[in-house]
N, C-alpha and C. Protein backbone atom coordinates (compact mmCIF):
# COMPACT_ATOMS: atom_id res chain seq x y z
N MET A 1 10.72 19.41 29.05
CA MET A 1 11.14 18.18 28.43
C MET A 1 10.18 17.07 28.79
N ALA A 2 9.82 17.02 30.11
CA ALA A 2 8.83 15.98 30.57
C ALA A 2 7.59 16.07 29.91
N ARG A 3 7.08 17.31 29.71
CA ARG A 3 5.77 17.54 29.07
C ARG A 3 5.80 17.05 27.61
N TYR A 4 7.02 17.29 26.94
CA TYR A 4 7.15 16.77 25.61
C TYR A 4 7.19 15.35 25.56
N GLN A 5 7.83 14.73 26.42
CA GLN A 5 7.88 13.25 26.38
C GLN A 5 6.59 12.62 26.59
N LYS A 6 5.72 13.19 27.53
CA LYS A 6 4.47 12.75 27.81
C LYS A 6 3.54 12.95 26.53
N GLY A 7 3.71 13.93 25.94
CA GLY A 7 2.87 14.15 24.59
C GLY A 7 3.26 13.19 23.56
N ALA A 8 4.60 12.98 23.38
CA ALA A 8 4.99 12.02 22.44
C ALA A 8 4.54 10.62 22.78
N TYR A 9 4.53 10.24 23.94
CA TYR A 9 4.15 9.07 24.33
C TYR A 9 2.65 8.70 24.06
N LYS A 10 1.83 9.80 24.38
CA LYS A 10 0.38 9.73 24.15
C LYS A 10 0.07 9.57 22.63
N ARG A 11 0.85 10.41 21.85
CA ARG A 11 0.72 10.22 20.35
C ARG A 11 1.05 8.88 19.88
N ASP A 12 2.05 8.14 20.46
CA ASP A 12 2.45 6.96 20.10
C ASP A 12 1.32 5.86 20.38
N ILE A 13 0.76 6.07 21.64
CA ILE A 13 -0.28 5.20 22.02
C ILE A 13 -1.37 5.28 21.07
N ILE A 14 -1.87 6.46 20.67
CA ILE A 14 -3.00 6.65 19.70
C ILE A 14 -2.57 6.05 18.39
N LEU A 15 -1.27 6.24 17.97
CA LEU A 15 -0.88 5.66 16.60
C LEU A 15 -0.94 4.06 16.69
N TYR A 16 -0.47 3.65 17.79
CA TYR A 16 -0.40 2.13 17.92
C TYR A 16 -1.92 1.48 17.90
N ASN A 17 -2.87 2.21 18.55
CA ASN A 17 -4.22 1.63 18.58
C ASN A 17 -4.80 1.86 17.26
N ALA A 18 -4.46 2.83 16.50
CA ALA A 18 -4.98 3.02 15.10
C ALA A 18 -4.47 1.90 14.26
N LYS A 19 -3.15 1.51 14.42
CA LYS A 19 -2.58 0.44 13.60
C LYS A 19 -3.36 -0.78 13.87
N TYR A 20 -3.64 -1.14 15.20
CA TYR A 20 -4.34 -2.32 15.66
C TYR A 20 -5.65 -2.34 15.03
N LEU A 21 -6.39 -1.30 15.06
CA LEU A 21 -7.90 -1.27 14.64
C LEU A 21 -7.73 -1.43 13.00
N PHE A 22 -6.88 -0.75 12.35
CA PHE A 22 -6.77 -0.72 10.92
C PHE A 22 -6.48 -2.25 10.55
N TYR A 23 -5.63 -2.87 11.32
CA TYR A 23 -5.27 -4.32 10.98
C TYR A 23 -6.50 -5.17 11.06
N LYS A 24 -7.22 -4.94 12.18
CA LYS A 24 -8.45 -5.82 12.31
C LYS A 24 -9.65 -5.58 11.57
N LYS A 25 -9.75 -4.17 11.31
CA LYS A 25 -11.10 -3.86 10.67
C LYS A 25 -10.89 -3.07 9.35
N GLY A 26 -9.69 -2.71 9.09
CA GLY A 26 -9.42 -2.02 7.85
C GLY A 26 -9.58 -0.44 8.11
N ILE A 27 -9.10 0.37 7.20
CA ILE A 27 -9.20 1.78 7.38
C ILE A 27 -10.57 2.30 7.36
N ALA A 28 -11.33 1.90 6.37
CA ALA A 28 -12.79 2.36 6.25
C ALA A 28 -13.62 1.94 7.28
N GLY A 29 -13.29 0.78 7.94
CA GLY A 29 -14.11 0.13 9.07
C GLY A 29 -13.80 0.67 10.35
N THR A 30 -12.83 1.60 10.51
CA THR A 30 -12.33 2.14 11.80
C THR A 30 -12.70 3.55 11.85
N THR A 31 -13.20 4.03 12.87
CA THR A 31 -13.50 5.48 13.17
C THR A 31 -12.55 6.13 14.09
N ILE A 32 -12.45 7.45 14.02
CA ILE A 32 -11.64 8.21 15.07
C ILE A 32 -12.23 7.96 16.49
N ARG A 33 -13.51 7.94 16.53
CA ARG A 33 -14.02 7.53 17.91
C ARG A 33 -13.57 6.28 18.38
N GLU A 34 -13.50 5.13 17.62
CA GLU A 34 -13.02 3.83 17.99
C GLU A 34 -11.50 3.96 18.44
N ILE A 35 -10.77 4.63 17.70
CA ILE A 35 -9.30 4.89 18.12
C ILE A 35 -9.32 5.58 19.48
N ALA A 36 -10.09 6.53 19.60
CA ALA A 36 -9.92 7.31 20.88
C ALA A 36 -10.56 6.45 21.93
N GLU A 37 -11.52 5.64 21.83
CA GLU A 37 -11.94 4.69 22.91
C GLU A 37 -11.00 3.71 23.26
N ARG A 38 -10.34 3.14 22.32
CA ARG A 38 -9.30 2.14 22.59
C ARG A 38 -8.04 2.72 23.27
N SER A 39 -7.88 4.00 22.92
CA SER A 39 -6.73 4.67 23.64
C SER A 39 -7.15 5.34 24.95
N GLU A 40 -8.32 5.19 25.28
CA GLU A 40 -8.87 5.81 26.55
C GLU A 40 -8.75 7.24 26.58
N ASP A 41 -8.93 8.00 25.48
CA ASP A 41 -8.86 9.42 25.32
C ASP A 41 -10.08 9.97 24.64
N PRO A 42 -10.31 11.21 24.86
CA PRO A 42 -11.37 11.85 24.10
C PRO A 42 -11.09 12.02 22.69
N VAL A 43 -12.11 12.10 21.75
CA VAL A 43 -11.94 12.32 20.33
C VAL A 43 -11.00 13.55 20.13
N SER A 44 -11.34 14.57 20.93
CA SER A 44 -10.53 15.75 20.75
C SER A 44 -9.01 15.72 20.69
N LEU A 45 -8.59 14.74 21.51
CA LEU A 45 -7.17 14.52 21.74
C LEU A 45 -6.54 13.89 20.57
N VAL A 46 -7.34 12.86 19.97
CA VAL A 46 -6.91 12.29 18.72
C VAL A 46 -6.66 13.34 17.72
N HIS A 47 -7.69 14.11 17.54
CA HIS A 47 -7.67 15.28 16.54
C HIS A 47 -6.66 16.28 16.80
N TYR A 48 -6.17 16.32 18.03
CA TYR A 48 -5.08 17.31 18.38
C TYR A 48 -3.80 16.78 17.71
N TYR A 49 -3.55 15.40 17.72
CA TYR A 49 -2.36 14.89 17.06
C TYR A 49 -2.49 14.61 15.68
N PHE A 50 -3.69 14.30 15.30
CA PHE A 50 -4.03 13.85 13.82
C PHE A 50 -5.39 14.52 13.48
N LYS A 51 -5.21 15.41 12.52
CA LYS A 51 -6.40 16.22 12.18
C LYS A 51 -7.47 15.33 11.62
N LYS A 52 -6.99 14.32 10.79
CA LYS A 52 -7.94 13.41 10.21
C LYS A 52 -7.45 12.13 10.04
N LYS A 53 -8.21 11.14 9.64
CA LYS A 53 -7.77 9.69 9.65
C LYS A 53 -6.55 9.59 8.51
N GLU A 54 -6.71 10.37 7.45
CA GLU A 54 -5.73 10.24 6.41
C GLU A 54 -4.29 10.65 7.02
N ASP A 55 -4.15 11.47 8.03
CA ASP A 55 -2.99 11.88 8.63
C ASP A 55 -2.50 10.70 9.40
N ILE A 56 -3.24 9.95 9.97
CA ILE A 56 -2.82 8.63 10.73
C ILE A 56 -2.25 7.67 9.69
N VAL A 57 -2.95 7.50 8.63
CA VAL A 57 -2.39 6.60 7.60
C VAL A 57 -1.02 7.04 7.05
N GLN A 58 -0.86 8.33 6.86
CA GLN A 58 0.36 8.85 6.30
C GLN A 58 1.44 8.75 7.36
N GLN A 59 1.18 8.89 8.59
CA GLN A 59 2.31 8.73 9.57
C GLN A 59 2.66 7.21 9.67
N ILE A 60 1.71 6.35 9.58
CA ILE A 60 2.07 4.82 9.53
C ILE A 60 2.96 4.50 8.31
N TYR A 61 2.76 4.98 7.25
CA TYR A 61 3.65 4.85 6.12
C TYR A 61 5.11 5.46 6.27
N LEU A 62 5.01 6.69 6.88
CA LEU A 62 6.24 7.41 7.14
C LEU A 62 7.22 6.69 8.15
N ASP A 63 6.46 6.10 9.14
CA ASP A 63 7.24 5.40 10.17
C ASP A 63 7.78 4.03 9.56
N PHE A 64 6.93 3.41 8.85
CA PHE A 64 7.25 2.06 8.15
C PHE A 64 8.43 2.18 7.28
N LEU A 65 8.49 3.20 6.46
CA LEU A 65 9.58 3.37 5.41
C LEU A 65 10.74 3.89 6.23
N GLY A 66 10.63 4.64 7.21
CA GLY A 66 11.77 5.14 8.04
C GLY A 66 12.49 3.82 8.67
N ASN A 67 11.60 3.05 9.20
CA ASN A 67 12.32 1.88 9.94
C ASN A 67 12.92 1.00 8.98
N ILE A 68 12.35 0.77 7.82
CA ILE A 68 12.97 -0.12 6.87
C ILE A 68 14.33 0.41 6.31
N ASP A 69 14.22 1.66 6.06
CA ASP A 69 15.45 2.41 5.65
C ASP A 69 16.71 2.21 6.58
N LEU A 70 16.30 2.55 7.85
CA LEU A 70 17.34 2.50 8.88
C LEU A 70 17.86 1.13 9.01
N PHE A 71 17.05 0.07 8.88
CA PHE A 71 17.37 -1.31 9.04
C PHE A 71 18.26 -1.71 7.78
N VAL A 72 17.95 -1.32 6.53
CA VAL A 72 18.57 -1.67 5.33
C VAL A 72 19.94 -1.07 5.30
N TYR A 73 19.92 0.21 5.58
CA TYR A 73 21.32 0.90 5.40
C TYR A 73 22.30 0.39 6.45
N SER A 74 21.80 -0.03 7.59
CA SER A 74 22.65 -0.59 8.70
C SER A 74 23.20 -1.95 8.11
N ALA A 75 22.23 -2.78 7.64
CA ALA A 75 22.60 -4.12 7.17
C ALA A 75 23.57 -4.11 5.91
N LEU A 76 23.28 -3.14 5.03
CA LEU A 76 24.20 -3.09 3.80
C LEU A 76 25.44 -2.63 4.17
N TYR A 77 25.67 -1.76 5.08
CA TYR A 77 27.03 -1.16 5.52
C TYR A 77 27.74 -2.27 6.23
N SER A 78 27.07 -3.13 6.99
CA SER A 78 27.76 -4.22 7.66
C SER A 78 28.16 -5.22 6.71
N GLU A 79 27.33 -5.46 5.65
CA GLU A 79 27.62 -6.65 4.67
C GLU A 79 28.58 -6.19 3.47
N THR A 80 28.38 -4.98 3.02
CA THR A 80 29.20 -4.59 1.86
C THR A 80 30.18 -3.38 2.12
N GLY A 81 30.07 -2.72 3.11
CA GLY A 81 30.91 -1.53 3.57
C GLY A 81 30.53 -0.37 2.72
N ASP A 82 29.44 -0.30 1.96
CA ASP A 82 29.04 0.87 1.26
C ASP A 82 27.57 0.96 1.37
N THR A 83 26.95 2.06 0.75
CA THR A 83 25.52 2.17 0.80
C THR A 83 25.06 2.70 -0.57
N ASN A 84 25.32 1.79 -1.63
CA ASN A 84 24.81 2.15 -2.92
C ASN A 84 23.29 2.46 -2.93
N VAL A 85 22.91 3.61 -3.35
CA VAL A 85 21.49 3.98 -3.15
C VAL A 85 20.52 3.10 -3.94
N LEU A 86 20.73 2.74 -5.17
CA LEU A 86 19.90 1.94 -5.89
C LEU A 86 19.86 0.49 -5.31
N LEU A 87 20.91 0.05 -4.77
CA LEU A 87 20.97 -1.28 -4.09
C LEU A 87 20.10 -1.18 -2.78
N ALA A 88 20.35 -0.15 -2.00
CA ALA A 88 19.58 -0.02 -0.79
C ALA A 88 18.11 0.16 -1.00
N HIS A 89 17.67 0.87 -2.08
CA HIS A 89 16.31 1.06 -2.39
C HIS A 89 15.70 -0.19 -2.95
N THR A 90 16.42 -1.00 -3.65
CA THR A 90 15.90 -2.20 -4.06
C THR A 90 15.54 -3.26 -2.98
N VAL A 91 16.57 -3.33 -1.97
CA VAL A 91 16.34 -4.13 -0.86
C VAL A 91 15.15 -3.63 0.04
N THR A 92 15.08 -2.28 0.24
CA THR A 92 14.01 -1.59 0.86
C THR A 92 12.61 -1.96 0.24
N GLN A 93 12.48 -1.90 -1.03
CA GLN A 93 11.25 -2.27 -1.69
C GLN A 93 10.96 -3.72 -1.60
N LEU A 94 11.86 -4.53 -1.61
CA LEU A 94 11.64 -5.97 -1.40
C LEU A 94 11.09 -6.25 -0.03
N ILE A 95 11.63 -5.69 0.85
CA ILE A 95 11.17 -5.79 2.27
C ILE A 95 9.79 -5.30 2.47
N TYR A 96 9.56 -3.98 1.89
CA TYR A 96 8.33 -3.30 2.02
C TYR A 96 7.17 -4.09 1.53
N TYR A 97 7.26 -4.58 0.26
CA TYR A 97 6.24 -5.44 -0.30
C TYR A 97 6.09 -6.78 0.20
N ASP A 98 7.18 -7.35 0.71
CA ASP A 98 7.22 -8.66 1.42
C ASP A 98 6.25 -8.58 2.60
N ILE A 99 6.52 -7.61 3.42
CA ILE A 99 5.74 -7.47 4.71
C ILE A 99 4.26 -7.17 4.32
N ILE A 100 3.99 -6.33 3.43
CA ILE A 100 2.62 -6.12 3.07
C ILE A 100 1.85 -7.09 2.32
N MET A 101 2.53 -7.81 1.48
CA MET A 101 1.73 -8.69 0.57
C MET A 101 1.66 -10.13 1.15
N LYS A 102 2.45 -10.44 2.15
CA LYS A 102 2.37 -11.80 2.73
C LYS A 102 1.37 -11.86 3.86
N ASP A 103 0.80 -10.79 4.26
CA ASP A 103 -0.33 -10.77 5.28
C ASP A 103 -1.58 -10.21 4.62
N PRO A 104 -2.65 -10.92 4.43
CA PRO A 104 -3.82 -10.48 3.86
C PRO A 104 -4.37 -9.22 4.48
N ARG A 105 -4.28 -8.97 5.79
CA ARG A 105 -4.76 -7.91 6.43
C ARG A 105 -3.97 -6.57 6.09
N ASN A 106 -2.61 -6.88 6.06
CA ASN A 106 -1.81 -5.77 5.56
C ASN A 106 -2.12 -5.29 4.09
N MET A 107 -2.44 -6.35 3.35
CA MET A 107 -2.79 -6.09 1.92
C MET A 107 -4.10 -5.36 1.89
N ARG A 108 -5.05 -5.71 2.66
CA ARG A 108 -6.27 -4.90 2.67
C ARG A 108 -6.14 -3.52 2.95
N VAL A 109 -5.31 -3.20 3.94
CA VAL A 109 -5.06 -1.80 4.41
C VAL A 109 -4.27 -1.01 3.24
N TYR A 110 -3.33 -1.77 2.65
CA TYR A 110 -2.55 -1.13 1.62
C TYR A 110 -3.33 -0.85 0.33
N GLN A 111 -4.26 -1.85 0.07
CA GLN A 111 -5.17 -1.60 -1.04
C GLN A 111 -6.12 -0.44 -0.77
N GLU A 112 -6.71 -0.35 0.36
CA GLU A 112 -7.51 0.75 0.68
C GLU A 112 -6.86 2.00 0.52
N SER A 113 -5.66 2.17 1.03
CA SER A 113 -4.87 3.46 0.92
C SER A 113 -4.51 3.69 -0.65
N LEU A 114 -4.26 2.71 -1.29
CA LEU A 114 -3.95 2.80 -2.81
C LEU A 114 -5.07 3.32 -3.54
N VAL A 115 -6.36 2.88 -3.24
CA VAL A 115 -7.43 3.24 -3.93
C VAL A 115 -7.78 4.81 -3.49
N SER A 116 -7.77 5.01 -2.35
CA SER A 116 -8.11 6.43 -1.80
C SER A 116 -6.93 7.38 -1.95
N GLN A 117 -5.82 6.94 -2.29
CA GLN A 117 -4.56 7.60 -2.47
C GLN A 117 -4.14 8.45 -1.21
N SER A 118 -4.49 7.94 0.01
CA SER A 118 -4.28 8.47 1.33
C SER A 118 -2.77 8.34 1.65
N ASN A 119 -2.06 7.36 0.99
CA ASN A 119 -0.64 7.22 1.16
C ASN A 119 0.15 8.04 0.24
N ALA A 120 -0.47 8.70 -0.74
CA ALA A 120 0.24 9.29 -1.96
C ALA A 120 1.20 10.38 -1.53
N ALA A 121 0.76 11.22 -0.68
CA ALA A 121 1.55 12.41 -0.16
C ALA A 121 2.90 11.96 0.39
N ILE A 122 2.89 10.86 1.19
CA ILE A 122 4.17 10.35 1.83
C ILE A 122 4.93 9.67 0.73
N LEU A 123 4.40 8.71 0.02
CA LEU A 123 5.11 7.83 -0.95
C LEU A 123 5.72 8.68 -1.98
N ASN A 124 4.83 9.56 -2.57
CA ASN A 124 5.43 10.39 -3.73
C ASN A 124 6.56 11.27 -3.38
N THR A 125 6.53 11.85 -2.16
CA THR A 125 7.59 12.65 -1.70
C THR A 125 8.87 11.78 -1.33
N TYR A 126 8.66 10.60 -0.75
CA TYR A 126 9.69 9.74 -0.40
C TYR A 126 10.34 9.23 -1.57
N ILE A 127 9.61 8.66 -2.55
CA ILE A 127 10.15 8.10 -3.80
C ILE A 127 10.87 9.14 -4.60
N GLU A 128 10.30 10.19 -4.79
CA GLU A 128 11.01 11.32 -5.56
C GLU A 128 12.36 11.65 -4.98
N HIS A 129 12.52 11.80 -3.68
CA HIS A 129 13.76 12.11 -3.06
C HIS A 129 14.75 10.85 -3.32
N VAL A 130 14.27 9.64 -3.28
CA VAL A 130 15.24 8.53 -3.40
C VAL A 130 15.58 8.41 -4.88
N TYR A 131 14.75 8.74 -5.79
CA TYR A 131 15.05 8.62 -7.24
C TYR A 131 16.13 9.71 -7.60
N ARG A 132 16.08 10.84 -7.00
CA ARG A 132 16.96 11.86 -7.22
C ARG A 132 18.32 11.36 -6.72
N LYS A 133 18.32 10.74 -5.61
CA LYS A 133 19.61 10.37 -4.99
C LYS A 133 20.21 9.16 -5.79
N ILE A 134 19.38 8.31 -6.44
CA ILE A 134 19.81 7.33 -7.28
C ILE A 134 20.52 7.84 -8.53
N LEU A 135 19.86 8.86 -9.23
CA LEU A 135 20.58 9.46 -10.25
C LEU A 135 21.85 10.16 -9.93
N GLU A 136 21.82 10.78 -8.92
CA GLU A 136 23.06 11.44 -8.44
C GLU A 136 24.12 10.35 -8.08
N ASP A 137 23.80 9.31 -7.47
CA ASP A 137 24.73 8.30 -7.27
C ASP A 137 25.31 7.66 -8.45
N MET A 138 24.50 7.51 -9.49
CA MET A 138 24.84 6.94 -10.77
C MET A 138 25.50 7.89 -11.60
N GLU A 139 25.59 9.19 -11.27
CA GLU A 139 26.16 10.20 -11.95
C GLU A 139 25.40 10.45 -13.30
N LEU A 140 24.16 10.37 -13.35
CA LEU A 140 23.28 10.67 -14.40
C LEU A 140 22.61 11.99 -14.41
N ASN A 141 22.97 12.71 -15.29
CA ASN A 141 22.29 14.13 -15.36
C ASN A 141 21.19 14.17 -16.29
N VAL A 142 19.91 14.48 -15.85
CA VAL A 142 18.74 14.55 -16.68
C VAL A 142 17.98 15.85 -16.32
N SER A 143 17.26 16.27 -17.43
CA SER A 143 16.46 17.46 -17.17
C SER A 143 15.29 17.20 -16.13
N GLU A 144 14.85 18.31 -15.59
CA GLU A 144 13.77 18.14 -14.60
C GLU A 144 12.53 17.68 -15.33
N GLU A 145 12.31 17.99 -16.60
CA GLU A 145 11.16 17.57 -17.32
C GLU A 145 11.25 16.01 -17.60
N PHE A 146 12.37 15.63 -17.87
CA PHE A 146 12.69 14.17 -18.09
C PHE A 146 12.45 13.36 -16.81
N PHE A 147 12.89 13.83 -15.74
CA PHE A 147 12.89 13.29 -14.47
C PHE A 147 11.42 13.11 -14.06
N GLN A 148 10.71 14.14 -14.22
CA GLN A 148 9.27 14.13 -13.75
C GLN A 148 8.42 13.17 -14.75
N ALA A 149 8.90 13.11 -15.97
CA ALA A 149 8.16 12.15 -16.81
C ALA A 149 8.49 10.78 -16.43
N CYS A 150 9.57 10.40 -15.92
CA CYS A 150 10.03 9.13 -15.43
C CYS A 150 9.17 8.83 -14.22
N ILE A 151 9.08 9.87 -13.40
CA ILE A 151 8.27 9.67 -12.09
C ILE A 151 6.85 9.30 -12.41
N SER A 152 6.31 10.02 -13.39
CA SER A 152 4.88 9.76 -13.89
C SER A 152 4.76 8.45 -14.36
N ILE A 153 5.62 7.99 -15.17
CA ILE A 153 5.61 6.58 -15.75
C ILE A 153 5.72 5.51 -14.60
N ASP A 154 6.58 5.71 -13.63
CA ASP A 154 6.81 4.83 -12.41
C ASP A 154 5.53 4.74 -11.57
N PHE A 155 4.96 5.90 -11.13
CA PHE A 155 3.87 5.90 -10.42
C PHE A 155 2.65 5.34 -11.09
N GLY A 156 2.50 5.75 -12.35
CA GLY A 156 1.25 5.16 -13.04
C GLY A 156 1.33 3.72 -13.28
N ALA A 157 2.61 3.19 -13.66
CA ALA A 157 2.67 1.73 -13.77
C ALA A 157 2.46 0.97 -12.37
N ARG A 158 3.19 1.57 -11.50
CA ARG A 158 3.00 0.90 -10.10
C ARG A 158 1.57 0.83 -9.70
N ARG A 159 0.76 1.82 -9.74
CA ARG A 159 -0.58 2.03 -9.37
C ARG A 159 -1.37 1.03 -10.14
N GLU A 160 -1.26 0.94 -11.45
CA GLU A 160 -2.03 0.08 -12.40
C GLU A 160 -1.78 -1.37 -11.98
N ILE A 161 -0.42 -1.75 -11.96
CA ILE A 161 -0.06 -3.12 -11.79
C ILE A 161 -0.57 -3.63 -10.50
N LEU A 162 -0.39 -2.88 -9.41
CA LEU A 162 -0.85 -3.33 -7.98
C LEU A 162 -2.43 -3.50 -8.03
N ASN A 163 -3.10 -2.50 -8.59
CA ASN A 163 -4.47 -2.54 -8.65
C ASN A 163 -5.01 -3.77 -9.41
N ARG A 164 -4.42 -4.11 -10.43
CA ARG A 164 -4.75 -5.31 -11.20
C ARG A 164 -4.40 -6.58 -10.48
N TYR A 165 -3.31 -6.60 -9.65
CA TYR A 165 -2.89 -7.77 -9.01
C TYR A 165 -3.91 -7.97 -7.83
N TYR A 166 -4.22 -6.88 -7.10
CA TYR A 166 -5.19 -7.10 -6.02
C TYR A 166 -6.55 -7.55 -6.48
N ASP A 167 -6.98 -6.99 -7.77
CA ASP A 167 -8.18 -7.44 -8.26
C ASP A 167 -8.24 -8.82 -8.88
N GLY A 168 -7.15 -9.53 -8.77
CA GLY A 168 -6.99 -10.90 -9.23
C GLY A 168 -6.79 -10.94 -10.76
N GLU A 169 -6.63 -9.76 -11.55
CA GLU A 169 -6.50 -9.94 -12.99
C GLU A 169 -4.93 -10.30 -13.33
N LEU A 170 -4.08 -10.04 -12.48
CA LEU A 170 -2.65 -10.65 -12.59
C LEU A 170 -2.39 -11.76 -11.68
N THR A 171 -1.95 -12.84 -11.99
CA THR A 171 -1.65 -13.98 -11.14
C THR A 171 -0.07 -14.34 -11.09
N ILE A 172 0.65 -13.27 -11.32
CA ILE A 172 2.04 -13.42 -11.46
C ILE A 172 2.61 -13.63 -10.00
N ASP A 173 3.71 -14.32 -9.91
CA ASP A 173 4.34 -14.49 -8.51
C ASP A 173 4.63 -13.10 -7.94
N ALA A 174 4.49 -12.93 -6.59
CA ALA A 174 4.54 -11.68 -5.97
C ALA A 174 5.98 -11.08 -6.02
N THR A 175 6.97 -11.90 -5.87
CA THR A 175 8.34 -11.39 -5.98
C THR A 175 8.66 -10.90 -7.39
N GLU A 176 8.21 -11.66 -8.30
CA GLU A 176 8.40 -11.28 -9.81
C GLU A 176 7.61 -9.88 -10.02
N LEU A 177 6.46 -9.78 -9.43
CA LEU A 177 5.78 -8.51 -9.68
C LEU A 177 6.49 -7.45 -9.06
N VAL A 178 6.99 -7.57 -7.82
CA VAL A 178 7.79 -6.51 -7.11
C VAL A 178 9.05 -6.16 -7.96
N LEU A 179 9.65 -7.15 -8.57
CA LEU A 179 10.95 -6.82 -9.22
C LEU A 179 10.60 -6.02 -10.62
N ILE A 180 9.39 -6.23 -11.11
CA ILE A 180 9.09 -5.49 -12.37
C ILE A 180 8.75 -4.01 -11.80
N ILE A 181 8.18 -3.78 -10.76
CA ILE A 181 7.85 -2.42 -10.16
C ILE A 181 9.23 -1.64 -10.02
N ILE A 182 10.07 -2.48 -9.30
CA ILE A 182 11.43 -1.91 -8.88
C ILE A 182 12.31 -1.40 -10.00
N ARG A 183 12.17 -2.24 -11.16
CA ARG A 183 13.07 -1.91 -12.21
C ARG A 183 12.60 -0.91 -13.14
N THR A 184 11.27 -0.59 -12.96
CA THR A 184 10.75 0.39 -14.04
C THR A 184 11.48 1.64 -14.04
N PHE A 185 11.68 2.41 -12.90
CA PHE A 185 12.34 3.74 -12.87
C PHE A 185 13.66 3.72 -13.43
N PRO A 186 14.58 2.82 -12.85
CA PRO A 186 15.97 2.78 -13.29
C PRO A 186 16.14 2.62 -14.82
N LEU A 187 15.35 1.69 -15.35
CA LEU A 187 15.41 1.41 -16.83
C LEU A 187 14.98 2.61 -17.63
N VAL A 188 13.72 3.16 -17.25
CA VAL A 188 13.20 4.29 -17.96
C VAL A 188 14.23 5.54 -17.88
N ALA A 189 14.75 5.69 -16.75
CA ALA A 189 15.60 6.82 -16.40
C ALA A 189 17.00 6.68 -17.28
N GLY A 190 17.30 5.56 -17.79
CA GLY A 190 18.48 5.31 -18.66
C GLY A 190 19.57 4.67 -18.00
N ILE A 191 19.39 4.03 -16.72
CA ILE A 191 20.44 3.13 -16.20
C ILE A 191 20.56 1.91 -16.99
N PRO A 192 21.77 1.48 -17.46
CA PRO A 192 21.81 0.30 -18.35
C PRO A 192 21.21 -0.99 -17.67
N ASN A 193 20.57 -1.76 -18.58
CA ASN A 193 19.84 -3.00 -18.16
C ASN A 193 20.81 -3.94 -17.33
N GLU A 194 22.13 -4.05 -17.83
CA GLU A 194 23.07 -4.94 -17.09
C GLU A 194 23.33 -4.48 -15.75
N THR A 195 23.36 -3.17 -15.52
CA THR A 195 23.62 -2.66 -14.22
C THR A 195 22.31 -2.86 -13.27
N VAL A 196 21.19 -2.67 -13.86
CA VAL A 196 20.10 -2.81 -13.08
C VAL A 196 19.94 -4.35 -12.69
N THR A 197 20.11 -5.27 -13.71
CA THR A 197 20.04 -6.61 -13.38
C THR A 197 21.05 -7.09 -12.31
N ALA A 198 22.26 -6.54 -12.39
CA ALA A 198 23.28 -6.95 -11.47
C ALA A 198 22.98 -6.53 -10.00
N ILE A 199 22.43 -5.29 -9.86
CA ILE A 199 22.01 -4.68 -8.60
C ILE A 199 20.86 -5.48 -8.07
N THR A 200 19.90 -5.74 -8.94
CA THR A 200 18.74 -6.59 -8.54
C THR A 200 19.07 -8.04 -8.03
N ASP A 201 20.00 -8.60 -8.71
CA ASP A 201 20.41 -9.93 -8.27
C ASP A 201 21.12 -9.88 -6.84
N GLN A 202 21.98 -8.80 -6.70
CA GLN A 202 22.65 -8.57 -5.40
C GLN A 202 21.60 -8.25 -4.32
N ALA A 203 20.74 -7.47 -4.60
CA ALA A 203 19.64 -7.18 -3.54
C ALA A 203 18.76 -8.41 -3.19
N LEU A 204 18.53 -9.25 -4.10
CA LEU A 204 17.70 -10.36 -3.87
C LEU A 204 18.50 -11.31 -2.92
N ASN A 205 19.80 -11.39 -3.17
CA ASN A 205 20.56 -12.29 -2.27
C ASN A 205 20.73 -11.69 -0.88
N LEU A 206 20.91 -10.36 -0.73
CA LEU A 206 20.93 -9.69 0.47
C LEU A 206 19.56 -9.84 1.26
N TYR A 207 18.50 -9.62 0.56
CA TYR A 207 17.14 -9.62 1.06
C TYR A 207 16.73 -10.95 1.61
N ARG A 208 17.18 -12.07 1.00
CA ARG A 208 16.87 -13.35 1.37
C ARG A 208 17.52 -13.89 2.54
N ASN A 209 18.56 -13.14 3.07
CA ASN A 209 19.47 -13.44 4.18
C ASN A 209 19.23 -12.53 5.34
N LEU A 210 18.20 -11.53 5.15
CA LEU A 210 18.03 -10.57 6.25
C LEU A 210 16.79 -11.17 7.13
N ASP A 211 16.94 -10.97 8.35
CA ASP A 211 15.90 -11.27 9.36
C ASP A 211 15.06 -10.10 9.58
N ILE A 212 13.85 -10.13 8.98
CA ILE A 212 12.98 -8.96 9.00
C ILE A 212 11.81 -9.01 9.93
N LYS A 213 11.88 -10.07 10.70
CA LYS A 213 10.53 -10.39 11.62
C LYS A 213 10.06 -9.25 12.56
N ASN A 214 11.14 -8.39 12.94
CA ASN A 214 10.84 -7.26 13.85
C ASN A 214 10.38 -5.99 13.08
N LEU A 215 10.35 -6.04 11.76
CA LEU A 215 9.78 -4.85 11.13
C LEU A 215 8.29 -5.04 10.87
N LYS A 216 7.57 -4.02 11.29
CA LYS A 216 6.12 -4.25 11.15
C LYS A 216 5.42 -3.03 10.39
N PHE A 217 4.46 -3.51 9.65
CA PHE A 217 3.71 -2.37 8.92
C PHE A 217 2.61 -1.95 9.85
N LEU A 218 1.80 -2.74 10.40
CA LEU A 218 0.75 -2.44 11.34
C LEU A 218 1.05 -3.03 12.76
N VAL A 219 0.71 -4.36 12.95
CA VAL A 219 1.00 -4.98 14.29
C VAL A 219 1.69 -6.32 13.98
């Protein structure tokens, strides 16, 4: 047990230093060697825990999403007594993009990972799982082909909108942009507009009253 705890601690130190360097220099501007040097470890040890830099990026997203999910479900249960999946996901996405888009350095790292698709494996799996739960919660039965088509529309629109936003082609308010992204899948999947609107309004009210200062993407 002690050996496991020491290994987990060392892995966390490496991950923390990677986050710090990504925040300061970006993903492309940071090398595995620099992460190792800041962690006071050999490069081989970094590779022992993370085979490549992309694995570090994916772990950062996995931890970030997990922390937000835990926070949101705890907050919603305290506030509403239930955990409506679409409501929780809407609040989660509002927090997720708030933390990323309000800090230029977080935005730089997010855009790098968006362009390289280094976050795709984690986000695609996560989003697909959540979307299945939303349809189940809403008691909507759709074919697998229809579901995958909705996923493709959502992912494609999300990527295009965000790339155009970061390139300065879209000057829309950030919150309004996020709401467009969040509403895409539910509407395409057939959830009534009035239901989506009511849940979005409720999510916005909850989100605005949450203290999210302890939730971090990088540092």
